[in-house]
Structure formats: structure tokens, C-alpha cells
Amino acid sequence: TQQLISQVAGGGPEHDRKRRALGRLEGLGDREREVAVAVGRGASNADIAAELYLSVATVKAHVSRILTKLDLNNRVQIALLVHDAGLLNEE
């Protein structure tokens, strides 16, 4: 019963996953967050560079820093974290 009440009230496992993902992403700077969201959408480094008016080398540096800061291994993990945080729905 308690689980059902938590889910109806906005709690539950999905809410917890979103809260944890948002907490992890708090350590990113604004530009890093923008790059992470673009990675989450599946954009290439070249696409991200054009969209955010950056060089491809700068995008690569941001992606590398995101991976390091969040202790992730690849772009797919960035995308999953951004998805779990609900940031792909903001656009």
C-alpha cells in the first residue's frame, strides 16, 4: 500500500532514479550540461559544435570532461543519465 501511495504521490522508483540522475548532473557546468543533453539526443560532435557555436575540438573536450566528472565510460552512458534526469523532455 505504501508503495502505491508513493507512486501516486510522485514518488517511487522512477522518481528516485530521476532525482539521483539530476543530482549527478549538478556537477556539470552550463555548457557541459548543454553538450550532455545534445549527446543524449544522439547528436554527433560536429552537430553539437554547429548547434552551440563551438569547435569540434571544444565539444570533444567537453565530452571528455563530462565522462570524467560523472565517472562514465562512453556517450551511451551520458545519454542514459540525461534521459533518466528527464532533460530530453525539456526541449
PDB file of N, CA and C in Angstrom:
ATOM      1  N   THR A   1       0.830  -1.195   0.000  1.00  0.00           N
ATOM      2  CA  THR A   1       0.000   0.000   0.000  1.00  0.00           C
ATOM      3  C   THR A   1       0.868   1.249   0.000  1.00  0.00           C
ATOM      4  N   GLN A   2       1.909   1.239   0.829  1.00  0.00           N
ATOM      5  CA  GLN A   2       2.805   2.397   0.908  1.00  0.00           C
ATOM      6  C   GLN A   2       3.462   2.680  -0.442  1.00  0.00           C
ATOM      7  N   GLN A   3       3.856   1.630  -1.161  1.00  0.00           N
ATOM      8  CA  GLN A   3       4.470   1.792  -2.471  1.00  0.00           C
ATOM      9  C   GLN A   3       3.503   2.439  -3.437  1.00  0.00           C
ATOM     10  N   LEU A   4       2.263   2.005  -3.437  1.00  0.00           N
ATOM     11  CA  LEU A   4       1.251   2.567  -4.321  1.00  0.00           C
ATOM     12  C   LEU A   4       1.021   4.038  -4.012  1.00  0.00           C
ATOM     13  N   ILE A   5       0.932   4.376  -2.742  1.00  0.00           N
ATOM     14  CA  ILE A   5       0.748   5.774  -2.341  1.00  0.00           C
ATOM     15  C   ILE A   5       1.931   6.615  -2.803  1.00  0.00           C
ATOM     16  N   SER A   6       3.147   6.108  -2.648  1.00  0.00           N
ATOM     17  CA  SER A   6       4.345   6.837  -3.081  1.00  0.00           C
ATOM     18  C   SER A   6       4.328   7.081  -4.583  1.00  0.00           C
ATOM     19  N   GLN A   7       3.943   6.068  -5.352  1.00  0.00           N
ATOM     20  CA  GLN A   7       3.916   6.218  -6.804  1.00  0.00           C
ATOM     21  C   GLN A   7       2.861   7.219  -7.231  1.00  0.00           C
ATOM     22  N   VAL A   8       1.687   7.171  -6.631  1.00  0.00           N
ATOM     23  CA  VAL A   8       0.617   8.099  -6.973  1.00  0.00           C
ATOM     24  C   VAL A   8       0.991   9.516  -6.558  1.00  0.00           C
ATOM     25  N   ALA A   9       1.695   9.652  -5.455  1.00  0.00           N
ATOM     26  CA  ALA A   9       2.089  10.974  -4.960  1.00  0.00           C
ATOM     27  C   ALA A   9       3.336  11.509  -5.646  1.00  0.00           C
ATOM     28  N   GLY A  10       3.837  10.806  -6.659  1.00  0.00           N
ATOM     29  CA  GLY A  10       5.013  11.288  -7.372  1.00  0.00           C
ATOM     30  C   GLY A  10       6.308  10.678  -6.897  1.00  0.00           C
ATOM     31  N   GLY A  11       6.250   9.740  -6.016  1.00  0.00           N
ATOM     32  CA  GLY A  11       7.450   9.078  -5.536  1.00  0.00           C
ATOM     33  C   GLY A  11       7.697   7.822  -6.335  1.00  0.00           C
ATOM     34  N   GLY A  12       8.304   6.858  -5.731  1.00  0.00           N
ATOM     35  CA  GLY A  12       8.537   5.585  -6.384  1.00  0.00           C
ATOM     36  C   GLY A  12       9.874   5.513  -7.063  1.00  0.00           C
ATOM     37  N   PRO A  13      10.165   4.362  -7.650  1.00  0.00           N
ATOM     38  CA  PRO A  13      11.480   4.109  -8.241  1.00  0.00           C
ATOM     39  C   PRO A  13      11.841   5.077  -9.370  1.00  0.00           C
ATOM     40  N   GLU A  14      10.872   5.439 -10.206  1.00  0.00           N
ATOM     41  CA  GLU A  14      11.166   6.354 -11.311  1.00  0.00           C
ATOM     42  C   GLU A  14      11.542   7.734 -10.793  1.00  0.00           C
ATOM     43  N   HIS A  15      10.846   8.178  -9.770  1.00  0.00           N
ATOM     44  CA  HIS A  15      11.151   9.477  -9.168  1.00  0.00           C
ATOM     45  C   HIS A  15      12.545   9.458  -8.541  1.00  0.00           C
ATOM     46  N   ASP A  16      12.876   8.376  -7.872  1.00  0.00           N
ATOM     47  CA  ASP A  16      14.192   8.250  -7.253  1.00  0.00           C
ATOM     48  C   ASP A  16      15.302   8.245  -8.297  1.00  0.00           C
ATOM     49  N   ARG A  17      15.071   7.529  -9.400  1.00  0.00           N
ATOM     50  CA  ARG A  17      16.072   7.470 -10.472  1.00  0.00           C
ATOM     51  C   ARG A  17      16.290   8.865 -11.061  1.00  0.00           C
ATOM     52  N   LYS A  18      15.206   9.603 -11.268  1.00  0.00           N
ATOM     53  CA  LYS A  18      15.323  10.961 -11.806  1.00  0.00           C
ATOM     54  C   LYS A  18      16.082  11.861 -10.832  1.00  0.00           C
ATOM     55  N   ARG A  19      15.748  11.759  -9.568  1.00  0.00           N
ATOM     56  CA  ARG A  19      16.408  12.595  -8.550  1.00  0.00           C
ATOM     57  C   ARG A  19      17.904  12.299  -8.488  1.00  0.00           C
ATOM     58  N   ARG A  20      18.261  11.009  -8.530  1.00  0.00           N
ATOM     59  CA  ARG A  20      19.687  10.635  -8.499  1.00  0.00           C
ATOM     60  C   ARG A  20      20.413  11.132  -9.750  1.00  0.00           C
ATOM     61  N   ALA A  21      19.774  10.991 -10.900  1.00  0.00           N
ATOM     62  CA  ALA A  21      20.400  11.435 -12.152  1.00  0.00           C
ATOM     63  C   ALA A  21      20.604  12.944 -12.139  1.00  0.00           C
ATOM     64  N   LEU A  22      19.608  13.687 -11.710  1.00  0.00           N
ATOM     65  CA  LEU A  22      19.747  15.144 -11.625  1.00  0.00           C
ATOM     66  C   LEU A  22      20.851  15.531 -10.649  1.00  0.00           C
ATOM     67  N   GLY A  23      20.947  14.804  -9.547  1.00  0.00           N
ATOM     68  CA  GLY A  23      21.997  15.067  -8.574  1.00  0.00           C
ATOM     69  C   GLY A  23      23.382  14.872  -9.168  1.00  0.00           C
ATOM     70  N   ARG A  24      23.553  13.835  -9.962  1.00  0.00           N
ATOM     71  CA  ARG A  24      24.855  13.588 -10.605  1.00  0.00           C
ATOM     72  C   ARG A  24      25.181  14.697 -11.602  1.00  0.00           C
ATOM     73  N   LEU A  25      24.176  15.183 -12.311  1.00  0.00           N
ATOM     74  CA  LEU A  25      24.407  16.197 -13.345  1.00  0.00           C
ATOM     75  C   LEU A  25      24.650  17.587 -12.762  1.00  0.00           C
ATOM     76  N   GLU A  26      24.362  17.784 -11.486  1.00  0.00           N
ATOM     77  CA  GLU A  26      24.581  19.087 -10.858  1.00  0.00           C
ATOM     78  C   GLU A  26      26.034  19.528 -10.910  1.00  0.00           C
ATOM     79  N   GLY A  27      26.952  18.569 -10.979  1.00  0.00           N
ATOM     80  CA  GLY A  27      28.371  18.893 -11.006  1.00  0.00           C
ATOM     81  C   GLY A  27      28.857  19.436 -12.340  1.00  0.00           C
ATOM     82  N   LEU A  28      27.998  19.434 -13.342  1.00  0.00           N
ATOM     83  CA  LEU A  28      28.401  19.932 -14.656  1.00  0.00           C
ATOM     84  C   LEU A  28      28.166  21.428 -14.761  1.00  0.00           C
ATOM     85  N   GLY A  29      29.015  22.086 -15.539  1.00  0.00           N
ATOM     86  CA  GLY A  29      28.797  23.487 -15.856  1.00  0.00           C
ATOM     87  C   GLY A  29      27.665  23.613 -16.863  1.00  0.00           C
ATOM     88  N   ASP A  30      27.227  24.843 -17.105  1.00  0.00           N
ATOM     89  CA  ASP A  30      26.112  25.072 -18.025  1.00  0.00           C
ATOM     90  C   ASP A  30      26.406  24.535 -19.422  1.00  0.00           C
ATOM     91  N   ARG A  31      27.591  24.832 -19.947  1.00  0.00           N
ATOM     92  CA  ARG A  31      27.937  24.389 -21.297  1.00  0.00           C
ATOM     93  C   ARG A  31      28.074  22.871 -21.352  1.00  0.00           C
ATOM     94  N   GLU A  32      28.646  22.292 -20.306  1.00  0.00           N
ATOM     95  CA  GLU A  32      28.762  20.835 -20.249  1.00  0.00           C
ATOM     96  C   GLU A  32      27.380  20.187 -20.239  1.00  0.00           C
ATOM     97  N   ARG A  33      26.473  20.798 -19.532  1.00  0.00           N
ATOM     98  CA  ARG A  33      25.099  20.273 -19.485  1.00  0.00           C
ATOM     99  C   ARG A  33      24.460  20.350 -20.871  1.00  0.00           C
ATOM    100  N   GLU A  34      24.664  21.461 -21.578  1.00  0.00           N
ATOM    101  CA  GLU A  34      24.130  21.593 -22.935  1.00  0.00           C
ATOM    102  C   GLU A  34      24.697  20.507 -23.849  1.00  0.00           C
ATOM    103  N   VAL A  35      25.986  20.263 -23.723  1.00  0.00           N
ATOM    104  CA  VAL A  35      26.625  19.224 -24.533  1.00  0.00           C
ATOM    105  C   VAL A  35      26.069  17.855 -24.143  1.00  0.00           C
ATOM    106  N   ALA A  36      25.900  17.610 -22.852  1.00  0.00           N
ATOM    107  CA  ALA A  36      25.369  16.326 -22.398  1.00  0.00           C
ATOM    108  C   ALA A  36      23.966  16.083 -22.947  1.00  0.00           C
ATOM    109  N   VAL A  37      23.136  17.099 -22.955  1.00  0.00           N
ATOM    110  CA  VAL A  37      21.779  16.959 -23.490  1.00  0.00           C
ATOM    111  C   VAL A  37      21.832  16.672 -24.989  1.00  0.00           C
ATOM    112  N   ALA A  38      22.726  17.362 -25.688  1.00  0.00           N
ATOM    113  CA  ALA A  38      22.872  17.111 -27.128  1.00  0.00           C
ATOM    114  C   ALA A  38      23.347  15.676 -27.380  1.00  0.00           C
ATOM    115  N   VAL A  39      24.273  15.201 -26.572  1.00  0.00           N
ATOM    116  CA  VAL A  39      24.715  13.804 -26.671  1.00  0.00           C
ATOM    117  C   VAL A  39      23.517  12.887 -26.421  1.00  0.00           C
ATOM    118  N   GLY A  40      22.700  13.233 -25.450  1.00  0.00           N
ATOM    119  CA  GLY A  40      21.511  12.450 -25.139  1.00  0.00           C
ATOM    120  C   GLY A  40      20.527  12.373 -26.295  1.00  0.00           C
ATOM    121  N   ARG A  41      20.494  13.416 -27.102  1.00  0.00           N
ATOM    122  CA  ARG A  41      19.637  13.422 -28.290  1.00  0.00           C
ATOM    123  C   ARG A  41      20.246  12.627 -29.434  1.00  0.00           C
ATOM    124  N   GLY A  42      21.511  12.219 -29.259  1.00  0.00           N
ATOM    125  CA  GLY A  42      22.179  11.441 -30.298  1.00  0.00           C
ATOM    126  C   GLY A  42      22.943  12.276 -31.305  1.00  0.00           C
ATOM    127  N   ALA A  43      23.179  13.532 -30.996  1.00  0.00           N
ATOM    128  CA  ALA A  43      23.891  14.416 -31.913  1.00  0.00           C
ATOM    129  C   ALA A  43      25.379  14.059 -31.961  1.00  0.00           C
ATOM    130  N   SER A  44      25.968  14.198 -33.133  1.00  0.00           N
ATOM    131  CA  SER A  44      27.407  13.971 -33.296  1.00  0.00           C
ATOM    132  C   SER A  44      28.165  15.187 -32.764  1.00  0.00           C
ATOM    133  N   ASN A  45      29.478  15.032 -32.596  1.00  0.00           N
ATOM    134  CA  ASN A  45      30.299  16.167 -32.155  1.00  0.00           C
ATOM    135  C   ASN A  45      30.187  17.327 -33.133  1.00  0.00           C
ATOM    136  N   ALA A  46      30.167  17.034 -34.427  1.00  0.00           N
ATOM    137  CA  ALA A  46      30.052  18.092 -35.439  1.00  0.00           C
ATOM    138  C   ALA A  46      28.703  18.802 -35.332  1.00  0.00           C
ATOM    139  N   ASP A  47      27.634  18.038 -35.119  1.00  0.00           N
ATOM    140  CA  ASP A  47      26.307  18.639 -34.961  1.00  0.00           C
ATOM    141  C   ASP A  47      26.239  19.517 -33.717  1.00  0.00           C
ATOM    142  N   ILE A  48      26.809  19.028 -32.630  1.00  0.00           N
ATOM    143  CA  ILE A  48      26.820  19.795 -31.381  1.00  0.00           C
ATOM    144  C   ILE A  48      27.616  21.079 -31.567  1.00  0.00           C
ATOM    145  N   ALA A  49      28.764  20.973 -32.237  1.00  0.00           N
ATOM    146  CA  ALA A  49      29.601  22.148 -32.475  1.00  0.00           C
ATOM    147  C   ALA A  49      28.829  23.213 -33.253  1.00  0.00           C
ATOM    148  N   ALA A  50      28.136  22.804 -34.295  1.00  0.00           N
ATOM    149  CA  ALA A  50      27.368  23.757 -35.107  1.00  0.00           C
ATOM    150  C   ALA A  50      26.220  24.367 -34.307  1.00  0.00           C
ATOM    151  N   GLU A  51      25.542  23.542 -33.538  1.00  0.00           N
ATOM    152  CA  GLU A  51      24.392  23.998 -32.756  1.00  0.00           C
ATOM    153  C   GLU A  51      24.786  24.992 -31.668  1.00  0.00           C
ATOM    154  N   LEU A  52      25.909  24.725 -31.010  1.00  0.00           N
ATOM    155  CA  LEU A  52      26.322  25.548 -29.866  1.00  0.00           C
ATOM    156  C   LEU A  52      27.410  26.559 -30.218  1.00  0.00           C
ATOM    157  N   TYR A  53      27.732  26.666 -31.508  1.00  0.00           N
ATOM    158  CA  TYR A  53      28.762  27.608 -31.973  1.00  0.00           C
ATOM    159  C   TYR A  53      30.102  27.365 -31.280  1.00  0.00           C
ATOM    160  N   LEU A  54      30.531  26.106 -31.290  1.00  0.00           N
ATOM    161  CA  LEU A  54      31.801  25.696 -30.716  1.00  0.00           C
ATOM    162  C   LEU A  54      32.608  24.983 -31.791  1.00  0.00           C
ATOM    163  N   SER A  55      33.898  24.823 -31.550  1.00  0.00           N
ATOM    164  CA  SER A  55      34.695  23.991 -32.444  1.00  0.00           C
ATOM    165  C   SER A  55      34.469  22.526 -32.060  1.00  0.00           C
ATOM    166  N   VAL A  56      34.730  21.641 -33.001  1.00  0.00           N
ATOM    167  CA  VAL A  56      34.605  20.213 -32.717  1.00  0.00           C
ATOM    168  C   VAL A  56      35.571  19.816 -31.602  1.00  0.00           C
ATOM    169  N   ALA A  57      36.755  20.403 -31.607  1.00  0.00           N
ATOM    170  CA  ALA A  57      37.735  20.098 -30.554  1.00  0.00           C
ATOM    171  C   ALA A  57      37.203  20.496 -29.179  1.00  0.00           C
ATOM    172  N   THR A  58      36.497  21.621 -29.093  1.00  0.00           N
ATOM    173  CA  THR A  58      35.925  22.054 -27.814  1.00  0.00           C
ATOM    174  C   THR A  58      34.831  21.102 -27.369  1.00  0.00           C
ATOM    175  N   VAL A  59      34.011  20.642 -28.300  1.00  0.00           N
ATOM    176  CA  VAL A  59      32.965  19.668 -27.962  1.00  0.00           C
ATOM    177  C   VAL A  59      33.602  18.386 -27.441  1.00  0.00           C
ATOM    178  N   LYS A  60      34.659  17.920 -28.116  1.00  0.00           N
ATOM    179  CA  LYS A  60      35.356  16.716 -27.659  1.00  0.00           C
ATOM    180  C   LYS A  60      35.890  16.904 -26.248  1.00  0.00           C
ATOM    181  N   ALA A  61      36.418  18.089 -25.968  1.00  0.00           N
ATOM    182  CA  ALA A  61      36.942  18.372 -24.624  1.00  0.00           C
ATOM    183  C   ALA A  61      35.809  18.343 -23.601  1.00  0.00           C
ATOM    184  N   HIS A  62      34.666  18.929 -23.952  1.00  0.00           N
ATOM    185  CA  HIS A  62      33.514  18.908 -23.039  1.00  0.00           C
ATOM    186  C   HIS A  62      33.054  17.477 -22.780  1.00  0.00           C
ATOM    187  N   VAL A  63      32.957  16.677 -23.832  1.00  0.00           N
ATOM    188  CA  VAL A  63      32.527  15.285 -23.674  1.00  0.00           C
ATOM    189  C   VAL A  63      33.506  14.536 -22.768  1.00  0.00           C
ATOM    190  N   SER A  64      34.788  14.746 -22.976  1.00  0.00           N
ATOM    191  CA  SER A  64      35.793  14.085 -22.134  1.00  0.00           C
ATOM    192  C   SER A  64      35.653  14.502 -20.672  1.00  0.00           C
ATOM    193  N   ARG A  65      35.430  15.796 -20.439  1.00  0.00           N
ATOM    194  CA  ARG A  65      35.259  16.274 -19.061  1.00  0.00           C
ATOM    195  C   ARG A  65      33.992  15.710 -18.427  1.00  0.00           C
ATOM    196  N   ILE A  66      32.919  15.622 -19.220  1.00  0.00           N
ATOM    197  CA  ILE A  66      31.669  15.051 -18.710  1.00  0.00           C
ATOM    198  C   ILE A  66      31.896  13.600 -18.293  1.00  0.00           C
ATOM    199  N   LEU A  67      32.557  12.838 -19.147  1.00  0.00           N
ATOM    200  CA  LEU A  67      32.839  11.439 -18.832  1.00  0.00           C
ATOM    201  C   LEU A  67      33.648  11.321 -17.546  1.00  0.00           C
ATOM    202  N   THR A  68      34.644  12.185 -17.405  1.00  0.00           N
ATOM    203  CA  THR A  68      35.498  12.153 -16.218  1.00  0.00           C
ATOM    204  C   THR A  68      34.728  12.567 -14.967  1.00  0.00           C
ATOM    205  N   LYS A  69      34.021  13.704 -15.047  1.00  0.00           N
ATOM    206  CA  LYS A  69      33.294  14.209 -13.887  1.00  0.00           C
ATOM    207  C   LYS A  69      32.234  13.232 -13.394  1.00  0.00           C
ATOM    208  N   LEU A  70      31.575  12.558 -14.326  1.00  0.00           N
ATOM    209  CA  LEU A  70      30.482  11.673 -13.957  1.00  0.00           C
ATOM    210  C   LEU A  70      30.914  10.222 -13.822  1.00  0.00           C
ATOM    211  N   ASP A  71      32.205   9.987 -14.017  1.00  0.00           N
ATOM    212  CA  ASP A  71      32.771   8.637 -13.924  1.00  0.00           C
ATOM    213  C   ASP A  71      32.022   7.662 -14.841  1.00  0.00           C
ATOM    214  N   LEU A  72      31.896   8.077 -16.105  1.00  0.00           N
ATOM    215  CA  LEU A  72      31.233   7.270 -17.118  1.00  0.00           C
ATOM    216  C   LEU A  72      32.259   6.807 -18.141  1.00  0.00           C
ATOM    217  N   ASN A  73      31.886   5.815 -18.940  1.00  0.00           N
ATOM    218  CA  ASN A  73      32.820   5.240 -19.904  1.00  0.00           C
ATOM    219  C   ASN A  73      32.567   5.629 -21.351  1.00  0.00           C
ATOM    220  N   ASN A  74      31.325   6.030 -21.675  1.00  0.00           N
ATOM    221  CA  ASN A  74      31.027   6.322 -23.075  1.00  0.00           C
ATOM    222  C   ASN A  74      29.808   7.227 -23.214  1.00  0.00           C
ATOM    223  N   ARG A  75      29.549   7.636 -24.457  1.00  0.00           N
ATOM    224  CA  ARG A  75      28.455   8.554 -24.762  1.00  0.00           C
ATOM    225  C   ARG A  75      27.089   7.948 -24.453  1.00  0.00           C
ATOM    226  N   VAL A  76      26.968   6.643 -24.603  1.00  0.00           N
ATOM    227  CA  VAL A  76      25.689   5.985 -24.318  1.00  0.00           C
ATOM    228  C   VAL A  76      25.323   6.179 -22.847  1.00  0.00           C
ATOM    229  N   GLN A  77      26.307   6.084 -21.970  1.00  0.00           N
ATOM    230  CA  GLN A  77      26.040   6.287 -20.550  1.00  0.00           C
ATOM    231  C   GLN A  77      25.641   7.729 -20.260  1.00  0.00           C
ATOM    232  N   ILE A  78      26.239   8.681 -20.972  1.00  0.00           N
ATOM    233  CA  ILE A  78      25.814  10.084 -20.837  1.00  0.00           C
ATOM    234  C   ILE A  78      24.350  10.193 -21.252  1.00  0.00           C
ATOM    235  N   ALA A  79      24.017   9.607 -22.395  1.00  0.00           N
ATOM    236  CA  ALA A  79      22.647   9.677 -22.919  1.00  0.00           C
ATOM    237  C   ALA A  79      21.643   9.067 -21.938  1.00  0.00           C
ATOM    238  N   LEU A  80      21.995   7.930 -21.354  1.00  0.00           N
ATOM    239  CA  LEU A  80      21.093   7.287 -20.395  1.00  0.00           C
ATOM    240  C   LEU A  80      20.887   8.150 -19.155  1.00  0.00           C
ATOM    241  N   LEU A  81      21.948   8.767 -18.678  1.00  0.00           N
ATOM    242  CA  LEU A  81      21.841   9.615 -17.491  1.00  0.00           C
ATOM    243  C   LEU A  81      20.972  10.838 -17.777  1.00  0.00           C
ATOM    244  N   VAL A  82      21.179  11.464 -18.934  1.00  0.00           N
ATOM    245  CA  VAL A  82      20.387  12.627 -19.326  1.00  0.00           C
ATOM    246  C   VAL A  82      18.922  12.227 -19.476  1.00  0.00           C
ATOM    247  N   HIS A  83      18.692  11.068 -20.052  1.00  0.00           N
ATOM    248  CA  HIS A  83      17.313  10.566 -20.192  1.00  0.00           C
ATOM    249  C   HIS A  83      16.674  10.336 -18.836  1.00  0.00           C
ATOM    250  N   ASP A  84      17.400   9.665 -17.936  1.00  0.00           N
ATOM    251  CA  ASP A  84      16.877   9.389 -16.597  1.00  0.00           C
ATOM    252  C   ASP A  84      16.555  10.682 -15.844  1.00  0.00           C
ATOM    253  N   ALA A  85      17.339  11.726 -16.102  1.00  0.00           N
ATOM    254  CA  ALA A  85      17.116  13.014 -15.437  1.00  0.00           C
ATOM    255  C   ALA A  85      15.917  13.763 -16.026  1.00  0.00           C
ATOM    256  N   GLY A  86      15.419  13.292 -17.153  1.00  0.00           N
ATOM    257  CA  GLY A  86      14.268  13.950 -17.772  1.00  0.00           C
ATOM    258  C   GLY A  86      14.623  15.173 -18.587  1.00  0.00           C
ATOM    259  N   LEU A  87      15.903  15.356 -18.905  1.00  0.00           N
ATOM    260  CA  LEU A  87      16.325  16.566 -19.619  1.00  0.00           C
ATOM    261  C   LEU A  87      16.007  16.532 -21.100  1.00  0.00           C
ATOM    262  N   LEU A  88      15.718  15.384 -21.644  1.00  0.00           N
ATOM    263  CA  LEU A  88      15.380  15.305 -23.066  1.00  0.00           C
ATOM    264  C   LEU A  88      13.952  15.774 -23.321  1.00  0.00           C
ATOM    265  N   ASN A  89      13.143  15.842 -22.285  1.00  0.00           N
ATOM    266  CA  ASN A  89      11.749  16.275 -22.416  1.00  0.00           C
ATOM    267  C   ASN A  89      11.611  17.782 -22.352  1.00  0.00           C
ATOM    268  N   GLU A  90      12.685  18.503 -22.003  1.00  0.00           N
ATOM    269  CA  GLU A  90      12.610  19.951 -21.817  1.00  0.00           C
ATOM    270  C   GLU A  90      12.633  20.718 -23.117  1.00  0.00           C
ATOM    271  N   GLU A  91      12.986  20.049 -24.201  1.00  0.00           N
ATOM    272  CA  GLU A  91      13.155  20.779 -25.450  1.00  0.00           C
ATOM    273  C   GLU A  91      11.899  20.855 -26.247  1.00  0.00           C
TER     274      GLU A  91
END
